[in-house]
């Protein structure tokens, strides 16, 4: 059974939102680890060379705990909460605006399509036809973007056939591009 273009479009927006929060989570984990490691090295270096008393060491310890908790809460736990839907994630309109910033050829068409879906209360045939047409146009833009991204991957990787893993990747991508 083939999905309607509207449900396909909404599914792609949900996929984008999951990828957005997963990317935010990965960045947060890396950034949090870097900040915590830097704070650990800084505080240990200060303690080693400073020979501080117990009060200042206590301040350093609780400062380190505060840095750890701050980075864990804001850069790891918060994206996890959004990713698993415990708090309200991006709306479809916000996701469409973000996509429009990165892909100008989509522009306002995605946002307009979502707004038309929101107006679809009385099932007007003209609105339904417009939604279907815009959804199909956006699906065509997505498939064209996929082929362009594949070509850009080739130029970035500069696949060499001598390396077996890149040769296999090159062959698979050429087959996908031919389709």
Protein backbone atom coordinates (compact mmCIF):
# COMPACT_ATOMS: atom_id res chain seq x y z
CA UNK A 1 0.00 0.00 0.00
CA UNK A 2 1.36 3.38 -1.00
CA UNK A 3 1.32 6.21 1.52
CA UNK A 4 -0.20 9.54 0.69
CA UNK A 5 2.25 12.36 -0.03
CA UNK A 6 1.05 14.17 3.11
CA UNK A 7 1.84 11.26 5.43
CA UNK A 8 5.19 10.77 3.66
CA UNK A 9 6.01 14.44 4.18
CA UNK A 10 5.04 14.32 7.86
CA UNK A 11 7.08 11.14 8.29
CA UNK A 12 10.11 12.85 6.77
CA UNK A 13 9.66 15.79 9.15
CA UNK A 14 9.53 13.40 12.11
CA UNK A 15 12.69 11.72 10.83
CA UNK A 16 14.38 15.13 10.55
CA UNK A 17 13.40 15.98 14.13
CA UNK A 18 14.81 12.66 15.42
CA UNK A 19 18.05 13.24 13.53
CA UNK A 20 18.21 16.83 14.81
CA UNK A 21 17.96 15.75 18.45
CA UNK A 22 20.29 12.79 17.93
CA UNK A 23 22.86 15.14 16.41
CA UNK A 24 22.35 17.56 19.31
CA UNK A 25 22.85 14.67 21.74
CA UNK A 26 26.08 13.53 20.08
CA UNK A 27 27.45 17.07 20.03
CA UNK A 28 26.45 17.45 23.66
CA UNK A 29 28.19 14.24 24.70
CA UNK A 30 31.40 15.26 22.94
CA UNK A 31 31.31 18.82 24.24
CA UNK A 32 30.40 17.68 27.76
CA UNK A 33 33.25 15.16 27.81
CA UNK A 34 35.70 17.81 26.61
CA UNK A 35 34.56 20.35 29.23
CA UNK A 36 34.59 17.81 32.07
CA UNK A 37 38.02 16.52 31.07
CA UNK A 38 39.38 20.06 30.80
CA UNK A 39 37.94 20.98 34.21
CA UNK A 40 39.40 17.80 35.71
CA UNK A 41 42.85 18.53 34.32
CA UNK A 42 42.68 22.18 35.38
CA UNK A 43 41.53 21.42 38.93
CA UNK A 44 44.07 18.61 39.38
CA UNK A 45 46.88 20.81 38.07
CA UNK A 46 45.85 23.60 40.43
CA UNK A 47 45.72 21.18 43.35
CA UNK A 48 49.07 19.59 42.47
CA UNK A 49 50.99 22.83 42.15
CA UNK A 50 49.01 24.85 44.72
CA UNK A 51 49.17 22.61 47.78
CA UNK A 52 45.92 24.16 48.92
CA UNK A 53 44.20 23.60 52.23
CA UNK A 54 41.13 21.49 52.73
CA UNK A 55 38.69 24.39 52.29
CA UNK A 56 40.03 25.36 48.86
CA UNK A 57 40.19 21.69 47.81
CA UNK A 58 36.54 21.37 48.82
CA UNK A 59 35.71 24.40 46.67
CA UNK A 60 37.61 22.84 43.74
CA UNK A 61 35.79 19.53 44.21
CA UNK A 62 32.33 21.08 44.32
CA UNK A 63 33.29 23.33 41.39
CA UNK A 64 34.15 20.21 39.41
CA UNK A 65 30.88 18.55 40.42
CA UNK A 66 28.99 21.69 39.35
CA UNK A 67 30.72 21.72 35.94
CA UNK A 68 29.94 18.03 35.50
CA UNK A 69 26.27 18.42 36.45
CA UNK A 70 25.83 21.53 34.30
CA UNK A 71 27.30 19.87 31.23
CA UNK A 72 25.42 16.62 31.81
CA UNK A 73 22.05 18.32 32.31
CA UNK A 74 22.19 20.91 29.55
CA UNK A 75 24.15 19.06 26.87
CA UNK A 76 23.18 15.42 27.41
CA UNK A 77 20.00 14.98 29.46
CA UNK A 78 18.04 17.83 27.85
CA UNK A 79 18.45 16.49 24.27
CA UNK A 80 17.59 12.99 25.55
CA UNK A 81 14.34 14.29 27.04
CA UNK A 82 13.44 15.96 23.74
CA UNK A 83 14.51 12.92 21.71
CA UNK A 84 12.24 10.55 23.61
CA UNK A 85 9.32 12.99 23.63
CA UNK A 86 9.08 13.60 27.36
CA UNK A 87 9.02 17.33 26.67
CA UNK A 88 7.56 19.12 23.66
CA UNK A 89 10.05 18.83 20.77
CA UNK A 90 10.28 21.01 17.67
CA UNK A 91 6.97 21.69 16.01
CA UNK A 92 6.54 20.81 12.35
CA UNK A 93 6.61 24.52 11.48
CA UNK A 94 9.89 25.10 13.33
CA UNK A 95 11.42 22.06 11.62
CA UNK A 96 10.22 23.38 8.24
CA UNK A 97 11.81 26.76 8.92
CA UNK A 98 15.13 25.10 9.83
CA UNK A 99 15.03 22.97 6.69
CA UNK A 100 14.20 26.07 4.65
CA UNK A 101 17.33 27.79 5.97
CA UNK A 102 19.56 24.90 4.88
CA UNK A 103 17.79 24.16 1.59
CA UNK A 104 16.72 27.43 -0.04
CA UNK A 105 15.18 25.62 -3.04
CA UNK A 106 12.55 24.23 -0.68
CA UNK A 107 12.03 27.71 0.73
CA UNK A 108 8.56 28.44 2.01
CA UNK A 109 6.90 25.61 0.08
CA UNK A 110 7.30 23.18 2.96
CA UNK A 111 5.97 25.66 5.50
CA UNK A 112 3.06 26.60 3.22
CA UNK A 113 2.19 22.94 2.75
CA UNK A 114 2.13 22.41 6.51
CA UNK A 115 -0.08 25.46 6.95
CA UNK A 116 -2.46 24.11 4.30
CA UNK A 117 -2.61 20.80 6.16
CA UNK A 118 -3.55 22.82 9.27
CA UNK A 119 -6.37 24.54 7.36
CA UNK A 120 -7.76 21.22 6.18
CA UNK A 121 -10.68 21.13 8.64
CA UNK A 122 -13.62 21.04 6.25
CA UNK A 123 -11.94 18.77 3.64
CA UNK A 124 -12.18 21.29 0.81
CA UNK A 125 -11.19 19.51 -2.43
CA UNK A 126 -9.14 22.47 -3.69
CA UNK A 127 -7.06 22.52 -0.50
CA UNK A 128 -6.57 18.75 -0.66
CA UNK A 129 -5.42 18.94 -4.28
CA UNK A 130 -3.02 21.76 -3.46
CA UNK A 131 -1.58 19.80 -0.52
CA UNK A 132 -1.10 16.71 -2.69
CA UNK A 133 0.62 18.72 -5.44
CA UNK A 134 2.97 20.53 -3.07
CA UNK A 135 3.82 17.31 -1.24
CA UNK A 136 4.71 15.59 -4.50
CA UNK A 137 6.87 18.56 -5.57
CA UNK A 138 8.71 18.44 -2.25
CA UNK A 139 9.28 14.68 -2.65
CA UNK A 140 10.86 15.36 -6.04
CA UNK A 141 13.14 17.99 -4.49
CA UNK A 142 14.20 15.48 -1.82
CA UNK A 143 15.20 12.82 -4.38
CA UNK A 144 17.13 15.40 -6.40
CA UNK A 145 18.91 16.57 -3.23
CA UNK A 146 19.87 12.97 -2.41
CA UNK A 147 21.63 12.62 -5.77
CA UNK A 148 23.45 15.94 -5.25
CA UNK A 149 24.56 14.88 -1.76
CA UNK A 150 25.86 11.61 -3.20
CA UNK A 151 27.94 13.53 -5.75
CA UNK A 152 29.30 15.79 -3.01
CA UNK A 153 30.26 12.74 -0.94
CA UNK A 154 32.29 11.50 -3.91
CA UNK A 155 34.19 14.75 -4.17
CA UNK A 156 34.83 14.91 -0.41
CA UNK A 157 35.95 11.31 -0.01
CA UNK A 158 37.78 11.11 -3.34
CA UNK A 159 37.21 7.37 -3.46
CA UNK A 160 40.22 5.36 -4.55
CA UNK A 161 39.48 1.99 -6.16
CA UNK A 162 42.75 0.54 -4.72
CA UNK A 163 41.33 0.65 -1.18
CA UNK A 164 38.79 -2.18 -0.96
CA UNK A 165 36.36 -0.51 1.47
CA UNK A 166 36.23 2.74 -0.48
CA UNK A 167 36.03 0.79 -3.75
CA UNK A 168 32.96 -1.08 -2.53
CA UNK A 169 31.44 2.20 -1.30
CA UNK A 170 32.18 3.77 -4.67
CA UNK A 171 30.53 0.90 -6.57
CA UNK A 172 27.42 0.97 -4.33
CA UNK A 173 27.01 4.73 -4.68
CA UNK A 174 27.43 4.54 -8.46
CA UNK A 175 24.69 1.89 -8.56
CA UNK A 176 22.41 4.07 -6.43
CA UNK A 177 23.11 7.09 -8.60
CA UNK A 178 22.23 5.18 -11.75
CA UNK A 179 18.76 4.44 -10.36
